[in-house]
Amino acid sequence: MAISEEYNGATWSLTNSLNIAVYAMGFCGSQSSALSTGGWASTGFSFDTSEEFDGITWRLSNNLNFPRRFPAAYGSQSSGVIAGGYTGSNHAAEAEEYNQADLSTIAMTGKLRLSITVV
């Protein structure tokens, strides 16, 4: 179960849960319009799933191009960037742009892959 809570400035209250139970995901947006993407489960696998929150309900959305956990995320639910993270075998150097022109058109675009060698 992926429990979700909201804070109103004074107290925490339970809201509807995420559809997929993961942790170590990236978040962006606001309390009433959020995006959760990527993550990790107790199975040890990194996830590529994304979910959108409308203030009441989480719903599944388009997947990332590269599964990752602990990604950095910023922007809004309709236009965000997800970058970095960890794939399970190495650190992710990919950045992805999340665009949602309207609720009927959702697409992951702007795939960028870098190769970094540390010596």
PDB file of N, CA and C in Angstrom:
ATOM      1  N   MET A   1       0.841  -1.170   0.000  1.00  0.00           N
ATOM      2  CA  MET A   1       0.000   0.000   0.000  1.00  0.00           C
ATOM      3  C   MET A   1       0.893   1.243   0.000  1.00  0.00           C
ATOM      4  N   ALA A   2       0.542   2.222  -0.780  1.00  0.00           N
ATOM      5  CA  ALA A   2       1.313   3.459  -0.887  1.00  0.00           C
ATOM      6  C   ALA A   2       0.510   4.596  -0.264  1.00  0.00           C
ATOM      7  N   ILE A   3       0.681   4.799   1.014  1.00  0.00           N
ATOM      8  CA  ILE A   3      -0.096   5.789   1.749  1.00  0.00           C
ATOM      9  C   ILE A   3       0.318   7.199   1.339  1.00  0.00           C
ATOM     10  N   SER A   4      -0.672   8.073   1.222  1.00  0.00           N
ATOM     11  CA  SER A   4      -0.450   9.458   0.851  1.00  0.00           C
ATOM     12  C   SER A   4      -1.124  10.351   1.888  1.00  0.00           C
ATOM     13  N   GLU A   5      -0.441  11.429   2.300  1.00  0.00           N
ATOM     14  CA  GLU A   5      -0.988  12.354   3.280  1.00  0.00           C
ATOM     15  C   GLU A   5      -0.841  13.788   2.810  1.00  0.00           C
ATOM     16  N   GLU A   6      -1.714  14.666   3.302  1.00  0.00           N
ATOM     17  CA  GLU A   6      -1.662  16.101   3.011  1.00  0.00           C
ATOM     18  C   GLU A   6      -1.500  16.873   4.313  1.00  0.00           C
ATOM     19  N   TYR A   7      -0.804  17.997   4.245  1.00  0.00           N
ATOM     20  CA  TYR A   7      -0.600  18.862   5.402  1.00  0.00           C
ATOM     21  C   TYR A   7      -1.283  20.196   5.135  1.00  0.00           C
ATOM     22  N   ASN A   8      -2.133  20.638   6.054  1.00  0.00           N
ATOM     23  CA  ASN A   8      -2.876  21.881   5.849  1.00  0.00           C
ATOM     24  C   ASN A   8      -2.281  23.070   6.608  1.00  0.00           C
ATOM     25  N   GLY A   9      -1.075  22.923   7.112  1.00  0.00           N
ATOM     26  CA  GLY A   9      -0.427  23.973   7.876  1.00  0.00           C
ATOM     27  C   GLY A   9      -0.489  23.726   9.368  1.00  0.00           C
ATOM     28  N   ALA A  10      -1.380  22.832   9.792  1.00  0.00           N
ATOM     29  CA  ALA A  10      -1.516  22.525  11.212  1.00  0.00           C
ATOM     30  C   ALA A  10      -1.521  21.022  11.486  1.00  0.00           C
ATOM     31  N   THR A  11      -2.185  20.251  10.615  1.00  0.00           N
ATOM     32  CA  THR A  11      -2.306  18.808  10.840  1.00  0.00           C
ATOM     33  C   THR A  11      -2.140  18.030   9.539  1.00  0.00           C
ATOM     34  N   TRP A  12      -1.799  16.763   9.675  1.00  0.00           N
ATOM     35  CA  TRP A  12      -1.703  15.837   8.559  1.00  0.00           C
ATOM     36  C   TRP A  12      -2.999  15.039   8.466  1.00  0.00           C
ATOM     37  N   SER A  13      -3.431  14.734   7.234  1.00  0.00           N
ATOM     38  CA  SER A  13      -4.608  13.887   7.039  1.00  0.00           C
ATOM     39  C   SER A  13      -4.364  12.938   5.867  1.00  0.00           C
ATOM     40  N   LEU A  14      -4.916  11.738   5.969  1.00  0.00           N
ATOM     41  CA  LEU A  14      -4.767  10.741   4.910  1.00  0.00           C
ATOM     42  C   LEU A  14      -5.549  11.157   3.666  1.00  0.00           C
ATOM     43  N   THR A  15      -4.996  10.879   2.499  1.00  0.00           N
ATOM     44  CA  THR A  15      -5.699  11.065   1.231  1.00  0.00           C
ATOM     45  C   THR A  15      -5.691   9.723   0.513  1.00  0.00           C
ATOM     46  N   ASN A  16      -6.204   9.684  -0.689  1.00  0.00           N
ATOM     47  CA  ASN A  16      -6.161   8.447  -1.476  1.00  0.00           C
ATOM     48  C   ASN A  16      -4.718   8.042  -1.721  1.00  0.00           C
ATOM     49  N   SER A  17      -4.480   6.755  -1.769  1.00  0.00           N
ATOM     50  CA  SER A  17      -3.137   6.220  -1.930  1.00  0.00           C
ATOM     51  C   SER A  17      -2.703   6.182  -3.386  1.00  0.00           C
ATOM     52  N   LEU A  18      -1.389   6.145  -3.596  1.00  0.00           N
ATOM     53  CA  LEU A  18      -0.837   5.899  -4.922  1.00  0.00           C
ATOM     54  C   LEU A  18      -1.303   4.528  -5.400  1.00  0.00           C
ATOM     55  N   ASN A  19      -1.356   4.330  -6.710  1.00  0.00           N
ATOM     56  CA  ASN A  19      -1.776   3.047  -7.273  1.00  0.00           C
ATOM     57  C   ASN A  19      -0.696   1.986  -7.155  1.00  0.00           C
ATOM     58  N   ILE A  20       0.567   2.391  -7.180  1.00  0.00           N
ATOM     59  CA  ILE A  20       1.690   1.460  -7.107  1.00  0.00           C
ATOM     60  C   ILE A  20       2.515   1.804  -5.872  1.00  0.00           C
ATOM     61  N   ALA A  21       2.717   0.821  -5.019  1.00  0.00           N
ATOM     62  CA  ALA A  21       3.448   1.031  -3.765  1.00  0.00           C
ATOM     63  C   ALA A  21       4.951   1.087  -4.028  1.00  0.00           C
ATOM     64  N   VAL A  22       5.490   2.288  -4.087  1.00  0.00           N
ATOM     65  CA  VAL A  22       6.918   2.508  -4.269  1.00  0.00           C
ATOM     66  C   VAL A  22       7.377   3.579  -3.285  1.00  0.00           C
ATOM     67  N   TYR A  23       8.680   3.678  -3.105  1.00  0.00           N
ATOM     68  CA  TYR A  23       9.263   4.768  -2.339  1.00  0.00           C
ATOM     69  C   TYR A  23      10.497   5.247  -3.083  1.00  0.00           C
ATOM     70  N   ALA A  24      11.126   6.309  -2.633  1.00  0.00           N
ATOM     71  CA  ALA A  24      12.299   6.897  -3.276  1.00  0.00           C
ATOM     72  C   ALA A  24      11.974   7.421  -4.672  1.00  0.00           C
ATOM     73  N   MET A  25      10.762   7.980  -4.828  1.00  0.00           N
ATOM     74  CA  MET A  25      10.355   8.530  -6.113  1.00  0.00           C
ATOM     75  C   MET A  25      10.588  10.040  -6.137  1.00  0.00           C
ATOM     76  N   GLY A  26      10.480  10.632  -7.325  1.00  0.00           N
ATOM     77  CA  GLY A  26      10.577  12.072  -7.461  1.00  0.00           C
ATOM     78  C   GLY A  26       9.190  12.694  -7.469  1.00  0.00           C
ATOM     79  N   PHE A  27       9.064  13.870  -6.875  1.00  0.00           N
ATOM     80  CA  PHE A  27       7.787  14.583  -6.845  1.00  0.00           C
ATOM     81  C   PHE A  27       7.969  15.993  -7.353  1.00  0.00           C
ATOM     82  N   CYS A  28       6.956  16.511  -8.033  1.00  0.00           N
ATOM     83  CA  CYS A  28       6.908  17.932  -8.366  1.00  0.00           C
ATOM     84  C   CYS A  28       5.449  18.345  -8.467  1.00  0.00           C
ATOM     85  N   GLY A  29       5.231  19.644  -8.503  1.00  0.00           N
ATOM     86  CA  GLY A  29       3.877  20.158  -8.567  1.00  0.00           C
ATOM     87  C   GLY A  29       3.459  20.778  -7.258  1.00  0.00           C
ATOM     88  N   SER A  30       2.165  20.749  -6.999  1.00  0.00           N
ATOM     89  CA  SER A  30       1.608  21.351  -5.793  1.00  0.00           C
ATOM     90  C   SER A  30       0.741  20.331  -5.059  1.00  0.00           C
ATOM     91  N   GLN A  31       0.199  20.738  -3.928  1.00  0.00           N
ATOM     92  CA  GLN A  31      -0.619  19.841  -3.111  1.00  0.00           C
ATOM     93  C   GLN A  31      -1.875  19.381  -3.839  1.00  0.00           C
ATOM     94  N   SER A  32      -2.383  20.183  -4.762  1.00  0.00           N
ATOM     95  CA  SER A  32      -3.612  19.812  -5.467  1.00  0.00           C
ATOM     96  C   SER A  32      -3.375  19.410  -6.923  1.00  0.00           C
ATOM     97  N   SER A  33      -2.121  19.419  -7.355  1.00  0.00           N
ATOM     98  CA  SER A  33      -1.791  19.061  -8.739  1.00  0.00           C
ATOM     99  C   SER A  33      -0.342  18.573  -8.773  1.00  0.00           C
ATOM    100  N   ALA A  34      -0.126  17.304  -8.416  1.00  0.00           N
ATOM    101  CA  ALA A  34       1.228  16.777  -8.239  1.00  0.00           C
ATOM    102  C   ALA A  34       1.548  15.657  -9.220  1.00  0.00           C
ATOM    103  N   LEU A  35       2.844  15.409  -9.388  1.00  0.00           N
ATOM    104  CA  LEU A  35       3.351  14.320 -10.208  1.00  0.00           C
ATOM    105  C   LEU A  35       4.332  13.515  -9.373  1.00  0.00           C
ATOM    106  N   SER A  36       4.143  12.209  -9.323  1.00  0.00           N
ATOM    107  CA  SER A  36       5.067  11.272  -8.691  1.00  0.00           C
ATOM    108  C   SER A  36       5.624  10.397  -9.796  1.00  0.00           C
ATOM    109  N   THR A  37       6.948  10.230  -9.828  1.00  0.00           N
ATOM    110  CA  THR A  37       7.528   9.455 -10.923  1.00  0.00           C
ATOM    111  C   THR A  37       8.765   8.691 -10.463  1.00  0.00           C
ATOM    112  N   GLY A  38       8.980   7.524 -11.074  1.00  0.00           N
ATOM    113  CA  GLY A  38      10.097   6.675 -10.693  1.00  0.00           C
ATOM    114  C   GLY A  38       9.846   6.026  -9.343  1.00  0.00           C
ATOM    115  N   GLY A  39      10.902   5.529  -8.735  1.00  0.00           N
ATOM    116  CA  GLY A  39      10.796   4.959  -7.400  1.00  0.00           C
ATOM    117  C   GLY A  39      11.423   3.581  -7.296  1.00  0.00           C
ATOM    118  N   TRP A  40      11.223   3.005  -6.146  1.00  0.00           N
ATOM    119  CA  TRP A  40      11.858   1.744  -5.800  1.00  0.00           C
ATOM    120  C   TRP A  40      10.891   0.946  -4.951  1.00  0.00           C
ATOM    121  N   ALA A  41      10.887  -0.363  -5.098  1.00  0.00           N
ATOM    122  CA  ALA A  41      10.042  -1.233  -4.286  1.00  0.00           C
ATOM    123  C   ALA A  41      10.923  -2.191  -3.498  1.00  0.00           C
ATOM    124  N   SER A  42      10.344  -2.883  -2.566  1.00  0.00           N
ATOM    125  CA  SER A  42      11.100  -3.822  -1.737  1.00  0.00           C
ATOM    126  C   SER A  42      11.698  -4.959  -2.557  1.00  0.00           C
ATOM    127  N   THR A  43      11.256  -5.115  -3.799  1.00  0.00           N
ATOM    128  CA  THR A  43      11.811  -6.146  -4.683  1.00  0.00           C
ATOM    129  C   THR A  43      13.217  -5.802  -5.152  1.00  0.00           C
ATOM    130  N   GLY A  44      13.634  -4.535  -4.971  1.00  0.00           N
ATOM    131  CA  GLY A  44      14.963  -4.101  -5.395  1.00  0.00           C
ATOM    132  C   GLY A  44      14.998  -3.519  -6.788  1.00  0.00           C
ATOM    133  N   PHE A  45      13.851  -3.439  -7.466  1.00  0.00           N
ATOM    134  CA  PHE A  45      13.800  -2.915  -8.823  1.00  0.00           C
ATOM    135  C   PHE A  45      13.484  -1.425  -8.828  1.00  0.00           C
ATOM    136  N   SER A  46      14.100  -0.720  -9.762  1.00  0.00           N
ATOM    137  CA  SER A  46      13.749   0.679  -9.998  1.00  0.00           C
ATOM    138  C   SER A  46      12.526   0.715 -10.907  1.00  0.00           C
ATOM    139  N   PHE A  47      11.654   1.705 -10.704  1.00  0.00           N
ATOM    140  CA  PHE A  47      10.416   1.812 -11.471  1.00  0.00           C
ATOM    141  C   PHE A  47      10.475   2.960 -12.468  1.00  0.00           C
ATOM    142  N   ASP A  48       9.685   2.828 -13.530  1.00  0.00           N
ATOM    143  CA  ASP A  48       9.556   3.885 -14.538  1.00  0.00           C
ATOM    144  C   ASP A  48       8.161   4.494 -14.521  1.00  0.00           C
ATOM    145  N   THR A  49       7.341   4.130 -13.544  1.00  0.00           N
ATOM    146  CA  THR A  49       5.949   4.572 -13.511  1.00  0.00           C
ATOM    147  C   THR A  49       5.810   6.032 -13.085  1.00  0.00           C
ATOM    148  N   SER A  50       4.726   6.650 -13.542  1.00  0.00           N
ATOM    149  CA  SER A  50       4.370   8.015 -13.153  1.00  0.00           C
ATOM    150  C   SER A  50       2.894   8.032 -12.765  1.00  0.00           C
ATOM    151  N   GLU A  51       2.563   8.861 -11.765  1.00  0.00           N
ATOM    152  CA  GLU A  51       1.178   9.048 -11.359  1.00  0.00           C
ATOM    153  C   GLU A  51       0.919  10.533 -11.152  1.00  0.00           C
ATOM    154  N   GLU A  52      -0.289  10.962 -11.513  1.00  0.00           N
ATOM    155  CA  GLU A  52      -0.702  12.349 -11.325  1.00  0.00           C
ATOM    156  C   GLU A  52      -1.746  12.423 -10.223  1.00  0.00           C
ATOM    157  N   PHE A  53      -1.692  13.489  -9.425  1.00  0.00           N
ATOM    158  CA  PHE A  53      -2.626  13.701  -8.324  1.00  0.00           C
ATOM    159  C   PHE A  53      -3.414  14.976  -8.595  1.00  0.00           C
ATOM    160  N   ASP A  54      -4.740  14.888  -8.506  1.00  0.00           N
ATOM    161  CA  ASP A  54      -5.597  16.044  -8.788  1.00  0.00           C
ATOM    162  C   ASP A  54      -6.140  16.701  -7.521  1.00  0.00           C
ATOM    163  N   GLY A  55      -5.546  16.371  -6.381  1.00  0.00           N
ATOM    164  CA  GLY A  55      -6.024  16.894  -5.110  1.00  0.00           C
ATOM    165  C   GLY A  55      -6.902  15.893  -4.373  1.00  0.00           C
ATOM    166  N   ILE A  56      -7.368  14.881  -5.103  1.00  0.00           N
ATOM    167  CA  ILE A  56      -8.227  13.852  -4.504  1.00  0.00           C
ATOM    168  C   ILE A  56      -7.711  12.454  -4.835  1.00  0.00           C
ATOM    169  N   THR A  57      -7.439  12.202  -6.105  1.00  0.00           N
ATOM    170  CA  THR A  57      -7.117  10.858  -6.578  1.00  0.00           C
ATOM    171  C   THR A  57      -5.808  10.828  -7.347  1.00  0.00           C
ATOM    172  N   TRP A  58      -5.031   9.755  -7.148  1.00  0.00           N
ATOM    173  CA  TRP A  58      -3.842   9.480  -7.955  1.00  0.00           C
ATOM    174  C   TRP A  58      -4.277   8.642  -9.148  1.00  0.00           C
ATOM    175  N   ARG A  59      -3.771   8.955 -10.350  1.00  0.00           N
ATOM    176  CA  ARG A  59      -4.056   8.135 -11.525  1.00  0.00           C
ATOM    177  C   ARG A  59      -2.760   7.883 -12.288  1.00  0.00           C
ATOM    178  N   LEU A  60      -2.643   6.681 -12.859  1.00  0.00           N
ATOM    179  CA  LEU A  60      -1.450   6.312 -13.612  1.00  0.00           C
ATOM    180  C   LEU A  60      -1.317   7.187 -14.850  1.00  0.00           C
ATOM    181  N   SER A  61      -0.089   7.493 -15.198  1.00  0.00           N
ATOM    182  CA  SER A  61       0.206   8.320 -16.357  1.00  0.00           C
ATOM    183  C   SER A  61       1.313   7.641 -17.157  1.00  0.00           C
ATOM    184  N   ASN A  62       1.902   8.357 -18.114  1.00  0.00           N
ATOM    185  CA  ASN A  62       2.973   7.774 -18.936  1.00  0.00           C
ATOM    186  C   ASN A  62       4.202   7.449 -18.107  1.00  0.00           C
ATOM    187  N   ASN A  63       4.901   6.409 -18.527  1.00  0.00           N
ATOM    188  CA  ASN A  63       6.111   5.982 -17.846  1.00  0.00           C
ATOM    189  C   ASN A  63       7.316   6.797 -18.291  1.00  0.00           C
ATOM    190  N   LEU A  64       8.329   6.816 -17.423  1.00  0.00           N
ATOM    191  CA  LEU A  64       9.622   7.388 -17.781  1.00  0.00           C
ATOM    192  C   LEU A  64      10.255   6.533 -18.884  1.00  0.00           C
ATOM    193  N   ASN A  65      11.195   7.096 -19.608  1.00  0.00           N
ATOM    194  CA  ASN A  65      11.941   6.320 -20.586  1.00  0.00           C
ATOM    195  C   ASN A  65      12.974   5.424 -19.913  1.00  0.00           C
ATOM    196  N   PHE A  66      13.463   5.850 -18.726  1.00  0.00           N
ATOM    197  CA  PHE A  66      14.479   5.098 -17.994  1.00  0.00           C
ATOM    198  C   PHE A  66      14.021   4.903 -16.546  1.00  0.00           C
ATOM    199  N   PRO A  67      13.870   3.656 -16.071  1.00  0.00           N
ATOM    200  CA  PRO A  67      13.513   3.427 -14.671  1.00  0.00           C
ATOM    201  C   PRO A  67      14.594   4.008 -13.763  1.00  0.00           C
ATOM    202  N   ARG A  68      14.187   4.574 -12.620  1.00  0.00           N
ATOM    203  CA  ARG A  68      15.153   5.146 -11.686  1.00  0.00           C
ATOM    204  C   ARG A  68      14.516   5.352 -10.323  1.00  0.00           C
ATOM    205  N   ARG A  69      15.350   5.357  -9.318  1.00  0.00           N
ATOM    206  CA  ARG A  69      14.919   5.710  -7.960  1.00  0.00           C
ATOM    207  C   ARG A  69      15.714   6.914  -7.492  1.00  0.00           C
ATOM    208  N   PHE A  70      15.196   7.653  -6.550  1.00  0.00           N
ATOM    209  CA  PHE A  70      15.796   8.880  -6.027  1.00  0.00           C
ATOM    210  C   PHE A  70      16.047   9.936  -7.105  1.00  0.00           C
ATOM    211  N   PRO A  71      15.150  10.104  -8.082  1.00  0.00           N
ATOM    212  CA  PRO A  71      15.397  11.136  -9.086  1.00  0.00           C
ATOM    213  C   PRO A  71      15.114  12.530  -8.521  1.00  0.00           C
ATOM    214  N   ALA A  72      15.762  13.523  -9.087  1.00  0.00           N
ATOM    215  CA  ALA A  72      15.418  14.912  -8.792  1.00  0.00           C
ATOM    216  C   ALA A  72      14.256  15.278  -9.708  1.00  0.00           C
ATOM    217  N   ALA A  73      13.293  16.008  -9.191  1.00  0.00           N
ATOM    218  CA  ALA A  73      12.141  16.416  -9.999  1.00  0.00           C
ATOM    219  C   ALA A  73      11.788  17.851  -9.637  1.00  0.00           C
ATOM    220  N   TYR A  74      11.449  18.631 -10.646  1.00  0.00           N
ATOM    221  CA  TYR A  74      11.010  19.999 -10.396  1.00  0.00           C
ATOM    222  C   TYR A  74      10.075  20.441 -11.502  1.00  0.00           C
ATOM    223  N   GLY A  75       9.317  21.481 -11.229  1.00  0.00           N
ATOM    224  CA  GLY A  75       8.340  21.987 -12.178  1.00  0.00           C
ATOM    225  C   GLY A  75       6.935  21.721 -11.673  1.00  0.00           C
ATOM    226  N   SER A  76       6.001  21.684 -12.594  1.00  0.00           N
ATOM    227  CA  SER A  76       4.604  21.463 -12.253  1.00  0.00           C
ATOM    228  C   SER A  76       4.163  20.083 -12.729  1.00  0.00           C
ATOM    229  N   GLN A  77       2.937  19.714 -12.400  1.00  0.00           N
ATOM    230  CA  GLN A  77       2.407  18.433 -12.855  1.00  0.00           C
ATOM    231  C   GLN A  77       2.336  18.387 -14.380  1.00  0.00           C
ATOM    232  N   SER A  78       2.024  19.499 -15.008  1.00  0.00           N
ATOM    233  CA  SER A  78       1.845  19.504 -16.462  1.00  0.00           C
ATOM    234  C   SER A  78       3.129  19.772 -17.230  1.00  0.00           C
ATOM    235  N   SER A  79       4.171  20.225 -16.556  1.00  0.00           N
ATOM    236  CA  SER A  79       5.434  20.523 -17.232  1.00  0.00           C
ATOM    237  C   SER A  79       6.573  20.412 -16.228  1.00  0.00           C
ATOM    238  N   GLY A  80       7.166  19.240 -16.135  1.00  0.00           N
ATOM    239  CA  GLY A  80       8.217  19.016 -15.162  1.00  0.00           C
ATOM    240  C   GLY A  80       9.452  18.403 -15.786  1.00  0.00           C
ATOM    241  N   VAL A  81      10.534  18.373 -15.013  1.00  0.00           N
ATOM    242  CA  VAL A  81      11.783  17.741 -15.436  1.00  0.00           C
ATOM    243  C   VAL A  81      12.167  16.725 -14.369  1.00  0.00           C
ATOM    244  N   ILE A  82      12.553  15.537 -14.816  1.00  0.00           N
ATOM    245  CA  ILE A  82      12.993  14.476 -13.941  1.00  0.00           C
ATOM    246  C   ILE A  82      14.422  14.155 -14.373  1.00  0.00           C
ATOM    247  N   ALA A  83      15.367  14.190 -13.425  1.00  0.00           N
ATOM    248  CA  ALA A  83      16.774  14.003 -13.794  1.00  0.00           C
ATOM    249  C   ALA A  83      17.503  13.174 -12.748  1.00  0.00           C
ATOM    250  N   GLY A  84      18.548  12.495 -13.215  1.00  0.00           N
ATOM    251  CA  GLY A  84      19.417  11.756 -12.315  1.00  0.00           C
ATOM    252  C   GLY A  84      18.736  10.583 -11.667  1.00  0.00           C
ATOM    253  N   GLY A  85      19.232  10.233 -10.498  1.00  0.00           N
ATOM    254  CA  GLY A  85      18.708   9.091  -9.768  1.00  0.00           C
ATOM    255  C   GLY A  85      19.658   7.913  -9.840  1.00  0.00           C
ATOM    256  N   TYR A  86      19.148   6.765  -9.519  1.00  0.00           N
ATOM    257  CA  TYR A  86      19.933   5.537  -9.479  1.00  0.00           C
ATOM    258  C   TYR A  86      19.117   4.430 -10.122  1.00  0.00           C
ATOM    259  N   THR A  87      19.717   3.672 -11.026  1.00  0.00           N
ATOM    260  CA  THR A  87      18.991   2.642 -11.754  1.00  0.00           C
ATOM    261  C   THR A  87      18.995   1.293 -11.056  1.00  0.00           C
ATOM    262  N   GLY A  88      19.852   1.118 -10.100  1.00  0.00           N
ATOM    263  CA  GLY A  88      19.998  -0.172  -9.420  1.00  0.00           C
ATOM    264  C   GLY A  88      21.372  -0.751  -9.665  1.00  0.00           C
ATOM    265  N   SER A  89      21.990  -0.364 -10.783  1.00  0.00           N
ATOM    266  CA  SER A  89      23.350  -0.810 -11.067  1.00  0.00           C
ATOM    267  C   SER A  89      24.303   0.363 -11.266  1.00  0.00           C
ATOM    268  N   ASN A  90      23.753   1.537 -11.540  1.00  0.00           N
ATOM    269  CA  ASN A  90      24.601   2.728 -11.692  1.00  0.00           C
ATOM    270  C   ASN A  90      23.769   3.991 -11.491  1.00  0.00           C
ATOM    271  N   HIS A  91      24.451   5.111 -11.469  1.00  0.00           N
ATOM    272  CA  HIS A  91      23.754   6.383 -11.324  1.00  0.00           C
ATOM    273  C   HIS A  91      23.240   6.829 -12.689  1.00  0.00           C
ATOM    274  N   ALA A  92      21.990   7.258 -12.728  1.00  0.00           N
ATOM    275  CA  ALA A  92      21.370   7.677 -13.981  1.00  0.00           C
ATOM    276  C   ALA A  92      21.830   9.082 -14.341  1.00  0.00           C
ATOM    277  N   ALA A  93      22.208   9.261 -15.575  1.00  0.00           N
ATOM    278  CA  ALA A  93      22.620  10.578 -16.055  1.00  0.00           C
ATOM    279  C   ALA A  93      21.592  11.148 -17.026  1.00  0.00           C
ATOM    280  N   GLU A  94      20.444  10.511 -17.139  1.00  0.00           N
ATOM    281  CA  GLU A  94      19.418  10.951 -18.068  1.00  0.00           C
ATOM    282  C   GLU A  94      18.531  12.023 -17.431  1.00  0.00           C
ATOM    283  N   ALA A  95      18.078  12.937 -18.272  1.00  0.00           N
ATOM    284  CA  ALA A  95      17.074  13.920 -17.878  1.00  0.00           C
ATOM    285  C   ALA A  95      15.888  13.755 -18.816  1.00  0.00           C
ATOM    286  N   GLU A  96      14.694  13.847 -18.280  1.00  0.00           N
ATOM    287  CA  GLU A  96      13.487  13.710 -19.083  1.00  0.00           C
ATOM    288  C   GLU A  96      12.534  14.848 -18.779  1.00  0.00           C
ATOM    289  N   GLU A  97      11.853  15.291 -19.805  1.00  0.00           N
ATOM    290  CA  GLU A  97      10.870  16.358 -19.662  1.00  0.00           C
ATOM    291  C   GLU A  97       9.479  15.744 -19.694  1.00  0.00           C
ATOM    292  N   TYR A  98       8.642  16.161 -18.755  1.00  0.00           N
ATOM    293  CA  TYR A  98       7.271  15.670 -18.690  1.00  0.00           C
ATOM    294  C   TYR A  98       6.363  16.798 -19.147  1.00  0.00           C
ATOM    295  N   ASN A  99       5.683  16.594 -20.273  1.00  0.00           N
ATOM    296  CA  ASN A  99       4.771  17.603 -20.813  1.00  0.00           C
ATOM    297  C   ASN A  99       3.357  17.066 -20.837  1.00  0.00           C
ATOM    298  N   GLN A 100       2.441  17.883 -20.396  1.00  0.00           N
ATOM    299  CA  GLN A 100       1.023  17.533 -20.430  1.00  0.00           C
ATOM    300  C   GLN A 100       0.278  18.752 -20.955  1.00  0.00           C
ATOM    301  N   ALA A 101       0.066  18.794 -22.259  1.00  0.00           N
ATOM    302  CA  ALA A 101      -0.608  19.939 -22.872  1.00  0.00           C
ATOM    303  C   ALA A 101      -2.046  20.047 -22.383  1.00  0.00           C
ATOM    304  N   ASP A 102      -2.707  18.919 -22.232  1.00  0.00           N
ATOM    305  CA  ASP A 102      -4.046  18.870 -21.649  1.00  0.00           C
ATOM    306  C   ASP A 102      -4.229  17.471 -21.091  1.00  0.00           C
ATOM    307  N   LEU A 103      -5.297  17.211 -20.416  1.00  0.00           N
ATOM    308  CA  LEU A 103      -5.471  15.922 -19.755  1.00  0.00           C
ATOM    309  C   LEU A 103      -5.579  14.752 -20.713  1.00  0.00           C
ATOM    310  N   SER A 104      -5.829  14.998 -21.984  1.00  0.00           N
ATOM    311  CA  SER A 104      -5.938  13.900 -22.935  1.00  0.00           C
ATOM    312  C   SER A 104      -4.630  13.626 -23.673  1.00  0.00           C
ATOM    313  N   THR A 105      -3.642  14.510 -23.551  1.00  0.00           N
ATOM    314  CA  THR A 105      -2.369  14.335 -24.253  1.00  0.00           C
ATOM    315  C   THR A 105      -1.225  14.398 -23.267  1.00  0.00           C
ATOM    316  N   ILE A 106      -0.623  13.253 -22.995  1.00  0.00           N
ATOM    317  CA  ILE A 106       0.473  13.171 -22.050  1.00  0.00           C
ATOM    318  C   ILE A 106       1.625  12.457 -22.744  1.00  0.00           C
ATOM    319  N   ALA A 107       2.813  13.034 -22.705  1.00  0.00           N
ATOM    320  CA  ALA A 107       3.945  12.388 -23.366  1.00  0.00           C
ATOM    321  C   ALA A 107       5.245  12.718 -22.662  1.00  0.00           C
ATOM    322  N   MET A 108       6.116  11.726 -22.533  1.00  0.00           N
ATOM    323  CA  MET A 108       7.469  11.960 -22.067  1.00  0.00           C
ATOM    324  C   MET A 108       8.296  12.314 -23.292  1.00  0.00           C
ATOM    325  N   THR A 109       9.021  13.417 -23.236  1.00  0.00           N
ATOM    326  CA  THR A 109       9.836  13.843 -24.370  1.00  0.00           C
ATOM    327  C   THR A 109      11.185  14.337 -23.880  1.00  0.00           C
ATOM    328  N   GLY A 110      12.016  14.734 -24.801  1.00  0.00           N
ATOM    329  CA  GLY A 110      13.285  15.367 -24.462  1.00  0.00           C
ATOM    330  C   GLY A 110      14.281  14.430 -23.815  1.00  0.00           C
ATOM    331  N   LYS A 111      14.354  13.192 -24.257  1.00  0.00           N
ATOM    332  CA  LYS A 111      15.279  12.225 -23.685  1.00  0.00           C
ATOM    333  C   LYS A 111      16.718  12.660 -23.943  1.00  0.00           C
ATOM    334  N   LEU A 112      17.529  12.666 -22.903  1.00  0.00           N
ATOM    335  CA  LEU A 112      18.934  13.043 -23.009  1.00  0.00           C
ATOM    336  C   LEU A 112      19.742  12.002 -22.268  1.00  0.00           C
ATOM    337  N   ARG A 113      20.718  11.413 -22.901  1.00  0.00           N
ATOM    338  CA  ARG A 113      21.535  10.392 -22.250  1.00  0.00           C
ATOM    339  C   ARG A 113      22.981  10.841 -22.293  1.00  0.00           C
ATOM    340  N   LEU A 114      23.608  10.885 -21.118  1.00  0.00           N
ATOM    341  CA  LEU A 114      25.008  11.274 -20.994  1.00  0.00           C
ATOM    342  C   LEU A 114      25.804  10.108 -20.478  1.00  0.00           C
ATOM    343  N   SER A 115      27.047  10.046 -20.867  1.00  0.00           N
ATOM    344  CA  SER A 115      27.936   9.026 -20.342  1.00  0.00           C
ATOM    345  C   SER A 115      29.026   9.725 -19.538  1.00  0.00           C
ATOM    346  N   ILE A 116      29.182   9.344 -18.281  1.00  0.00           N
ATOM    347  CA  ILE A 116      30.152   9.998 -17.401  1.00  0.00           C
ATOM    348  C   ILE A 116      31.111   8.932 -16.878  1.00  0.00           C
ATOM    349  N   THR A 117      32.401   9.197 -16.982  1.00  0.00           N
ATOM    350  CA  THR A 117      33.415   8.307 -16.442  1.00  0.00           C
ATOM    351  C   THR A 117      34.165   9.033 -15.331  1.00  0.00           C
ATOM    352  N   VAL A 118      34.185   8.438 -14.159  1.00  0.00           N
ATOM    353  CA  VAL A 118      34.883   9.031 -13.020  1.00  0.00           C
ATOM    354  C   VAL A 118      36.204   8.288 -12.843  1.00  0.00           C
ATOM    355  N   VAL A 119      37.296   9.046 -12.798  1.00  0.00           N
ATOM    356  CA  VAL A 119      38.617   8.435 -12.630  1.00  0.00           C
ATOM    357  C   VAL A 119      39.281   8.909 -11.372  1.00  0.00           C
TER     358      VAL A 119
END
